[in-house]
Amino acid sequence: MDVDFSEYVDVIKDWPEPGKAVCDISRLLEHPHIFHEAVVTLAKPLVELKPNKVIGIEQRGLALGSAIAYYLGCGIVPARSIAYLPEDYERPVEYLPSSKFADRRLALVSDSIDPGDRVVIIDDWLILGTSVLAVSKVVEKLGAQVIGIGCVINNLSETRRKLLGRPEVHSLIENLQTDILRATD
């Protein structure tokens, strides 16, 4: 099946503020055959990397990452926005800096990643790669290795791509261009 995945992406202009935009992949997730094709297309190049964990970045990256983890036979670790944790929460949590989660912070349960784990990070859209970079740094701090990155849309500039280091970025759509989407260095 040859799919033009860009047909299943909506660009929402002037949100969260005028002059900004977000890419919404909800329609890609809603259509069973398209979702299946997206998972298989992203997962196939990751098979040879032999990951044992997939980190899915909240929310759509977690939905997509869960299916990819299942396909690869890996565990799934959510990098999720947590507004509040009870004071008696017993698992250790690493908070990641990210301005895009407003009043909530992106967090990763740190004992979900073991030293020596081979990790793939999945997100929906990379334009600056800030969340992926933050997750990557925590993974390395925990003694694991990021061996690949997958996303639906890759709009990273070469400068931003270099910040992520060595792992290859696998995507369904490269350099999605509209009048409002521009990667900035």
Foldseek 3Di string as FASTA:
>chain_A
DDDPQVVQKDWAAQPPHHLAIDIDNVSCCVDVVSLVVQLCQQLVVCLVVLFAEEEAEPDVSQVSRVSNCVVNVHHYWYFYWDLDDDPVPPFDKDWFDDPVVPNTTGITRLVVAAAAGEYEYGYAEDQQCRVVLRVQVSNVVRNYHHAAYEYAEYNYDPVSVVSSPDHDYHYNYYNDDDPRDHRDD
